[in-house]
N, C-alpha and C. Protein backbone atom coordinates (compact mmCIF):
# COMPACT_ATOMS: atom_id res chain seq x y z
N UNK A 1 119.34 93.88 91.71
CA UNK A 1 119.01 93.70 93.35
C UNK A 1 118.29 94.88 93.38
N UNK A 2 117.65 93.77 94.89
CA UNK A 2 116.19 95.06 94.91
C UNK A 2 117.16 96.06 96.38
N UNK A 3 115.03 96.64 96.48
CA UNK A 3 115.57 97.73 97.24
C UNK A 3 115.79 97.34 98.84
N UNK A 4 115.13 96.08 99.38
CA UNK A 4 115.58 95.39 100.60
C UNK A 4 117.49 95.54 100.70
N UNK A 5 117.86 95.01 99.43
CA UNK A 5 119.12 94.97 99.17
C UNK A 5 120.25 96.44 99.19
N UNK A 6 119.58 97.07 98.94
CA UNK A 6 120.08 98.36 99.03
C UNK A 6 120.39 99.29 99.89
N UNK A 7 119.26 98.77 100.54
CA UNK A 7 118.99 99.36 102.50
C UNK A 7 119.76 98.94 102.71
N UNK A 8 119.96 97.18 103.24
CA UNK A 8 120.97 96.69 103.96
C UNK A 8 121.91 96.72 103.63
N UNK A 9 122.18 97.29 102.55
CA UNK A 9 123.63 97.70 102.63
C UNK A 9 124.24 98.99 102.77
N UNK A 10 123.05 100.18 102.60
CA UNK A 10 123.22 101.29 103.25
C UNK A 10 123.06 101.22 104.73
N UNK A 11 122.10 100.27 105.72
CA UNK A 11 121.82 100.08 106.90
C UNK A 11 123.37 99.87 107.61
N UNK A 12 124.02 98.28 107.00
CA UNK A 12 125.36 97.84 107.26
C UNK A 12 126.47 98.87 107.05
N UNK A 13 126.49 99.40 106.33
CA UNK A 13 127.86 100.56 105.97
C UNK A 13 127.87 101.73 107.39
N UNK A 14 126.28 102.40 107.18
CA UNK A 14 126.21 103.21 108.66
C UNK A 14 126.22 102.84 110.07
N UNK A 15 126.17 101.38 109.95
CA UNK A 15 126.32 101.10 111.50
C UNK A 15 127.71 100.56 111.96
N UNK A 16 128.60 100.28 110.83
CA UNK A 16 130.27 100.02 110.28
C UNK A 16 130.63 101.57 111.14
N UNK A 17 130.22 102.64 110.12
CA UNK A 17 130.89 104.14 110.58
C UNK A 17 130.56 104.14 112.21
N UNK A 18 129.44 104.03 112.51
CA UNK A 18 129.18 103.90 114.02
C UNK A 18 130.51 103.25 115.13
N UNK A 19 130.33 102.49 114.20
CA UNK A 19 130.93 101.17 114.96
C UNK A 19 132.57 102.15 115.51
N UNK A 20 133.18 102.11 114.05
CA UNK A 20 134.37 102.58 113.77
C UNK A 20 134.58 103.87 114.36
N UNK A 21 133.47 105.22 114.41
CA UNK A 21 134.07 106.49 115.12
C UNK A 21 133.48 105.94 116.62
N UNK A 22 133.26 105.06 117.23
CA UNK A 22 133.15 104.21 118.98
C UNK A 22 134.31 103.99 119.11
N UNK A 23 135.36 103.32 118.05
CA UNK A 23 136.33 102.69 118.29
C UNK A 23 137.62 103.75 118.41
N UNK A 24 137.18 104.72 117.74
CA UNK A 24 138.18 106.01 117.55
C UNK A 24 138.03 106.80 118.71
N UNK A 25 136.92 107.02 119.49
CA UNK A 25 136.68 107.23 121.11
C UNK A 25 137.14 106.46 122.00
N UNK A 26 137.40 105.32 122.10
CA UNK A 26 138.22 104.47 122.63
C UNK A 26 138.95 104.69 123.08
N UNK A 27 139.61 105.12 121.42
CA UNK A 27 141.31 105.33 121.22
C UNK A 27 141.81 106.55 122.21
N UNK A 28 140.64 107.54 122.03
CA UNK A 28 141.14 108.66 122.67
C UNK A 28 140.83 108.98 124.21
N UNK A 29 140.18 108.18 124.85
CA UNK A 29 139.82 107.51 126.27
C UNK A 29 140.62 106.91 126.61
N UNK A 30 141.44 106.04 125.80
CA UNK A 30 142.43 105.14 126.52
C UNK A 30 143.85 105.58 126.58
N UNK A 31 144.39 107.00 125.29
CA UNK A 31 145.36 107.53 125.58
C UNK A 31 145.27 108.67 126.81
N UNK A 32 144.04 109.04 126.84
CA UNK A 32 143.81 110.46 127.73
C UNK A 32 144.07 109.77 129.25
N UNK A 33 143.54 108.47 129.88
CA UNK A 33 143.62 107.59 130.85
C UNK A 33 145.13 107.26 131.19
N UNK A 34 145.91 107.21 129.81
CA UNK A 34 147.63 106.13 129.55
C UNK A 34 148.24 107.41 130.10
N UNK A 35 147.94 108.60 128.96
CA UNK A 35 148.45 110.07 129.19
C UNK A 35 148.82 110.62 130.95
N UNK A 36 147.63 111.09 131.37
CA UNK A 36 147.24 111.97 132.38
C UNK A 36 147.29 111.03 133.65
N UNK A 37 148.74 111.22 133.96
CA UNK A 37 148.74 110.36 135.08
C UNK A 37 148.54 111.26 136.86
N UNK A 38 149.03 112.58 136.59
CA UNK A 38 149.05 113.83 137.49
C UNK A 38 147.60 114.19 138.01
N UNK A 39 147.31 114.22 139.07
CA UNK A 39 146.22 115.13 139.32
C UNK A 39 146.51 116.81 140.16
N UNK A 40 145.32 117.32 139.55
CA UNK A 40 145.48 119.07 139.87
C UNK A 40 144.16 119.72 140.13
N UNK A 41 143.96 121.29 140.40
CA UNK A 41 143.01 121.57 140.84
C UNK A 41 142.89 122.79 139.65
N UNK A 42 141.85 122.81 139.03
CA UNK A 42 141.96 123.55 138.03
C UNK A 42 140.90 124.33 138.10
N UNK A 43 140.19 125.60 137.52
CA UNK A 43 139.42 126.59 138.05
C UNK A 43 138.76 126.91 136.15
N UNK A 44 137.09 126.97 136.28
CA UNK A 44 136.44 127.63 134.83
C UNK A 44 136.90 128.95 134.71
N UNK A 45 137.38 129.45 133.33
CA UNK A 45 137.77 130.67 133.66
C UNK A 45 136.72 131.19 132.80
N UNK A 46 136.55 130.25 131.72
CA UNK A 46 135.05 131.28 130.45
C UNK A 46 134.68 130.15 130.48
N UNK A 47 133.13 129.45 129.85
CA UNK A 47 132.40 129.16 128.95
C UNK A 47 132.28 129.31 127.87
N UNK A 48 132.73 128.56 126.39
CA UNK A 48 132.75 128.96 125.20
C UNK A 48 131.35 128.16 124.84
N UNK A 49 130.93 128.98 124.39
CA UNK A 49 129.31 128.27 123.62
C UNK A 49 129.63 128.30 121.87
N UNK A 50 129.22 126.69 121.47
CA UNK A 50 129.54 126.47 120.04
C UNK A 50 128.11 125.79 119.85
N UNK A 51 127.25 126.24 118.48
CA UNK A 51 126.18 125.98 118.26
C UNK A 51 126.69 124.50 116.77
N UNK A 52 126.51 123.64 117.11
CA UNK A 52 127.04 122.25 116.15
C UNK A 52 125.62 121.57 115.60
N UNK A 53 125.56 121.34 114.30
CA UNK A 53 124.57 120.59 113.57
C UNK A 53 124.58 119.44 114.01
N UNK A 54 123.76 118.64 114.14
CA UNK A 54 123.05 116.71 114.68
C UNK A 54 123.32 116.35 112.96
N UNK A 55 123.51 115.08 113.01
CA UNK A 55 123.91 114.06 112.09
C UNK A 55 122.90 114.70 111.06
N UNK A 56 121.95 114.99 110.85
CA UNK A 56 120.53 115.32 110.07
C UNK A 56 120.58 116.31 109.78
N UNK A 57 121.54 117.18 110.28
CA UNK A 57 121.91 118.56 109.49
C UNK A 57 120.33 119.21 109.82
N UNK A 58 119.53 119.26 110.63
CA UNK A 58 118.89 119.49 110.18
C UNK A 58 118.24 120.82 111.92
N UNK A 59 118.72 120.31 112.87
CA UNK A 59 118.74 121.09 113.77
C UNK A 59 119.99 121.62 114.56
N UNK A 60 120.08 122.32 115.64
CA UNK A 60 121.40 122.97 115.89
C UNK A 60 121.46 122.54 117.62
N UNK A 61 122.32 122.36 118.10
CA UNK A 61 122.44 122.02 119.18
C UNK A 61 123.42 123.13 119.93
N UNK A 62 123.89 123.28 121.04
CA UNK A 62 124.88 124.47 121.60
C UNK A 62 125.55 123.66 122.55
N UNK A 63 126.58 123.25 122.66
CA UNK A 63 127.30 122.56 123.32
C UNK A 63 128.41 124.00 124.10
N UNK A 64 128.91 123.87 125.23
CA UNK A 64 129.76 124.48 125.80
C UNK A 64 130.88 124.38 126.05
N UNK A 65 131.97 124.83 125.84
CA UNK A 65 133.27 124.18 125.62
C UNK A 65 134.54 125.07 127.15
N UNK A 66 134.21 124.36 128.43
CA UNK A 66 135.07 125.23 129.50
C UNK A 66 136.21 125.27 129.32
N UNK A 67 136.80 126.80 129.40
CA UNK A 67 138.38 126.88 129.62
C UNK A 67 138.60 126.70 130.68
N UNK A 68 139.59 125.55 130.91
CA UNK A 68 140.27 125.74 132.50
C UNK A 68 141.50 126.60 132.16
N UNK A 69 141.71 127.53 133.69
CA UNK A 69 143.04 127.58 133.99
C UNK A 69 143.88 127.14 135.11
N UNK A 70 144.62 126.71 134.95
CA UNK A 70 145.93 125.64 136.41
C UNK A 70 147.27 126.21 136.00
N UNK A 71 147.97 125.95 137.56
CA UNK A 71 149.08 126.14 137.92
C UNK A 71 149.92 125.08 137.72
N UNK A 72 150.81 124.34 136.96
CA UNK A 72 151.66 123.48 137.08
C UNK A 72 153.19 123.60 136.99
N UNK A 73 153.61 123.08 138.33
CA UNK A 73 155.48 123.85 138.48
C UNK A 73 155.47 124.98 138.25
N UNK A 74 154.40 126.10 138.47
CA UNK A 74 155.07 127.45 138.17
C UNK A 74 154.06 127.85 136.98
N UNK A 75 153.62 126.80 136.19
CA UNK A 75 153.94 127.40 134.78
C UNK A 75 152.08 127.57 134.50
N UNK A 76 151.70 128.54 134.56
CA UNK A 76 150.27 128.41 134.21
C UNK A 76 149.53 128.80 133.06
N UNK A 77 148.83 127.51 132.86
CA UNK A 77 147.88 127.13 131.65
C UNK A 77 146.64 127.17 131.42
N UNK A 78 146.43 127.76 130.47
CA UNK A 78 144.74 127.94 129.96
C UNK A 78 144.45 127.35 128.84
N UNK A 79 143.38 126.25 128.90
CA UNK A 79 143.11 125.84 127.65
C UNK A 79 141.55 125.21 127.52
N UNK A 80 140.91 125.23 126.54
CA UNK A 80 139.76 125.07 126.24
C UNK A 80 139.70 123.31 126.33
N UNK A 81 138.90 122.71 127.06
CA UNK A 81 138.56 121.33 126.85
C UNK A 81 138.22 120.85 125.15
N UNK A 82 138.42 119.84 125.54
CA UNK A 82 138.50 119.08 123.39
C UNK A 82 137.16 118.32 123.77
N UNK A 83 136.47 118.32 124.99
CA UNK A 83 134.94 118.13 124.49
C UNK A 83 134.29 119.15 125.52
N UNK A 84 132.65 119.01 124.41
CA UNK A 84 131.50 120.07 125.06
C UNK A 84 130.86 118.91 125.28
N UNK A 85 129.97 119.88 126.07
CA UNK A 85 129.22 119.48 127.24
C UNK A 85 127.77 120.37 126.62
N UNK A 86 126.60 119.59 126.92
CA UNK A 86 125.05 120.20 127.42
C UNK A 86 125.35 121.45 128.08
N UNK A 87 124.35 122.59 127.79
CA UNK A 87 124.83 123.70 128.85
C UNK A 87 124.82 123.57 130.43
N UNK A 88 125.12 124.28 131.16
CA UNK A 88 125.01 124.09 132.37
C UNK A 88 125.80 123.03 133.34
N UNK A 89 126.52 122.68 132.12
CA UNK A 89 127.32 121.27 133.24
C UNK A 89 128.28 121.78 133.84
N UNK A 90 128.97 122.63 133.96
CA UNK A 90 130.17 123.71 134.71
C UNK A 90 129.60 124.85 134.61
N UNK A 91 130.31 125.87 135.66
CA UNK A 91 130.20 127.43 135.93
C UNK A 91 131.17 128.15 135.88
N UNK A 92 131.46 129.10 135.83
CA UNK A 92 132.82 130.27 135.51
C UNK A 92 132.98 130.22 136.98
N UNK A 93 133.99 130.33 137.44
CA UNK A 93 134.62 129.87 138.77
C UNK A 93 134.46 129.42 139.19
N UNK A 94 133.79 127.36 138.93
CA UNK A 94 133.67 126.54 139.60
C UNK A 94 135.06 125.78 139.59
N UNK A 95 135.46 125.29 140.63
CA UNK A 95 136.91 124.62 140.50
C UNK A 95 136.56 122.88 140.27
N UNK A 96 137.24 122.58 139.59
CA UNK A 96 137.47 120.75 139.34
C UNK A 96 138.54 120.75 139.74
N UNK A 97 138.59 119.25 139.25
CA UNK A 97 139.60 118.22 140.20
C UNK A 97 140.08 117.72 138.07
N UNK A 98 141.17 117.96 137.74
CA UNK A 98 141.74 117.33 136.28
C UNK A 98 142.92 116.33 136.63
N UNK A 99 142.98 115.46 135.47
CA UNK A 99 143.99 114.28 135.69
C UNK A 99 145.16 115.09 134.46
N UNK A 100 145.96 115.40 134.18
CA UNK A 100 147.13 116.30 133.12
C UNK A 100 148.15 114.86 133.02
N UNK A 101 148.62 115.27 131.55
CA UNK A 101 150.26 114.62 131.38
C UNK A 101 151.12 115.27 132.06
N UNK A 102 151.85 114.84 132.72
CA UNK A 102 153.21 115.23 133.46
C UNK A 102 154.33 115.48 131.91
N UNK A 103 154.39 115.49 131.04
CA UNK A 103 154.93 115.71 129.78
C UNK A 103 154.17 116.77 129.22
N UNK A 104 153.19 116.93 129.04
CA UNK A 104 152.60 117.95 128.12
C UNK A 104 151.29 118.59 129.00
N UNK A 105 151.80 119.71 129.94
CA UNK A 105 150.79 120.18 131.25
C UNK A 105 149.98 120.87 130.57
N UNK A 106 148.94 120.97 129.21
CA UNK A 106 148.22 121.36 128.56
C UNK A 106 147.21 120.02 128.09
N UNK A 107 147.09 119.05 128.17
CA UNK A 107 146.80 117.62 128.28
C UNK A 107 146.45 117.12 129.59
N UNK A 108 145.05 117.64 129.06
CA UNK A 108 144.11 117.45 130.08
C UNK A 108 142.44 116.57 130.07
N UNK A 109 141.87 115.93 131.04
CA UNK A 109 140.64 115.48 131.14
C UNK A 109 140.12 115.87 132.60
N UNK A 110 139.55 115.99 132.52
CA UNK A 110 138.29 116.50 134.08
C UNK A 110 137.64 114.99 134.46
N UNK A 111 138.71 115.45 136.00
CA UNK A 111 138.59 113.86 136.79
C UNK A 111 136.93 113.78 136.89
N UNK A 112 136.84 112.20 136.67
CA UNK A 112 135.75 111.34 137.27
C UNK A 112 134.34 111.72 135.80
N UNK A 113 134.62 112.80 134.79
CA UNK A 113 133.88 113.04 133.92
C UNK A 113 133.44 111.60 132.69
N UNK A 114 132.57 111.65 132.48
CA UNK A 114 132.17 110.49 132.03
C UNK A 114 131.60 110.27 130.59
N UNK A 115 131.68 111.55 130.01
CA UNK A 115 131.05 111.96 129.05
C UNK A 115 131.63 111.49 127.12
N UNK A 116 132.82 111.47 127.64
CA UNK A 116 132.78 110.64 126.37
C UNK A 116 132.66 108.95 126.40
N UNK A 117 133.32 108.93 127.65
CA UNK A 117 132.56 106.94 127.58
C UNK A 117 131.23 107.23 127.94
N UNK A 118 129.99 108.13 127.67
CA UNK A 118 128.82 107.74 127.36
C UNK A 118 128.53 108.27 125.69
N UNK A 119 129.20 109.00 125.61
CA UNK A 119 128.99 109.04 123.94
C UNK A 119 129.67 107.95 123.19
N UNK A 120 130.49 106.74 123.61
CA UNK A 120 131.20 105.73 122.95
C UNK A 120 130.40 104.91 123.13
N UNK A 121 129.64 104.65 124.11
CA UNK A 121 128.42 103.67 124.61
C UNK A 121 127.33 104.03 123.48
N UNK A 122 127.03 105.25 123.92
CA UNK A 122 125.89 105.21 122.25
C UNK A 122 126.22 105.11 120.94
N UNK A 123 127.22 105.24 120.68
CA UNK A 123 127.47 105.12 119.70
C UNK A 123 128.05 103.64 119.38
N UNK A 124 128.46 102.95 119.66
CA UNK A 124 128.37 101.54 119.65
C UNK A 124 127.12 100.59 119.72
N UNK A 125 125.93 101.36 120.12
CA UNK A 125 124.95 100.77 120.69
C UNK A 125 123.95 101.03 119.46
N UNK A 126 124.18 102.34 118.76
CA UNK A 126 123.59 102.50 117.71
C UNK A 126 124.00 101.81 116.51
N UNK A 127 125.03 102.32 116.53
CA UNK A 127 126.20 101.12 115.24
C UNK A 127 125.69 100.14 115.27
N UNK A 128 125.68 99.27 116.41
CA UNK A 128 125.52 97.68 116.58
C UNK A 128 123.76 97.53 115.94
N UNK A 129 123.03 98.19 116.60
CA UNK A 129 121.48 98.22 116.22
C UNK A 129 121.34 98.41 114.95
N UNK A 130 121.97 99.17 113.82
CA UNK A 130 121.88 100.00 112.81
C UNK A 130 121.94 98.45 112.39
N UNK A 131 123.20 97.83 112.08
CA UNK A 131 124.00 96.81 111.62
C UNK A 131 123.31 95.62 111.77
N UNK A 132 122.61 95.01 112.90
CA UNK A 132 121.42 94.28 112.99
C UNK A 132 120.26 94.27 112.13
N UNK A 133 119.70 95.74 111.91
CA UNK A 133 118.98 96.41 111.16
C UNK A 133 119.18 95.74 109.33
N UNK A 134 120.41 95.89 109.39
CA UNK A 134 120.91 95.85 107.85
C UNK A 134 121.04 94.89 107.69
N UNK A 135 121.33 94.10 108.70
CA UNK A 135 121.46 91.93 108.38
C UNK A 135 120.19 91.62 108.30
N UNK A 136 119.09 92.11 109.05
CA UNK A 136 117.36 91.43 108.81
C UNK A 136 117.11 92.10 107.36
N UNK A 137 117.11 93.12 107.50
CA UNK A 137 117.30 93.63 105.45
C UNK A 137 117.61 92.58 104.24
N UNK A 138 118.85 92.30 104.96
CA UNK A 138 119.86 91.53 103.72
C UNK A 138 118.90 90.12 103.68
N UNK A 139 118.20 89.61 104.56
CA UNK A 139 118.15 88.24 104.99
C UNK A 139 116.45 88.61 104.15
N UNK A 140 115.75 89.60 104.42
CA UNK A 140 114.34 89.69 103.83
C UNK A 140 114.56 89.71 102.38
N UNK A 141 115.76 90.43 101.77
CA UNK A 141 116.37 90.68 100.26
C UNK A 141 116.60 89.41 99.76
N UNK A 142 116.91 88.75 100.53
CA UNK A 142 117.09 87.05 99.63
C UNK A 142 115.79 85.56 99.98
N UNK A 143 114.70 86.46 100.28
CA UNK A 143 113.69 85.71 100.01
C UNK A 143 112.93 86.80 99.23
N UNK A 144 113.18 87.53 98.93
CA UNK A 144 112.14 88.54 97.79
C UNK A 144 112.32 88.02 96.64
């Protein structure tokens, strides 16, 4: 086995991981859409900043997770979004439209937000690109 074969296997596995991650994100998005059928207005109570390392573990990015508060059928809910955003997308006191799960009031998504879709699409594109490069290395290794 030559170096091109090793690189090919590595790239195809890495591409597969990105594609599998995008499938997981798709399942997450579809479940949210299926379950969160009611609408309400929420207010951003707090912005929680978290530092997270990139995949290469050499740089740190800061994401903001908005903590929303809203009332459904007399029940007051406060919950931090499961999706982090780049700084300054939302601000404290801002009102946002949400879709929530009528069977579990603290299960929500911010209406019209496309962040999860963008992450999924980028993961698919990167995964397919890396996988194709792996195939190219595989073909090159055959002729070595």
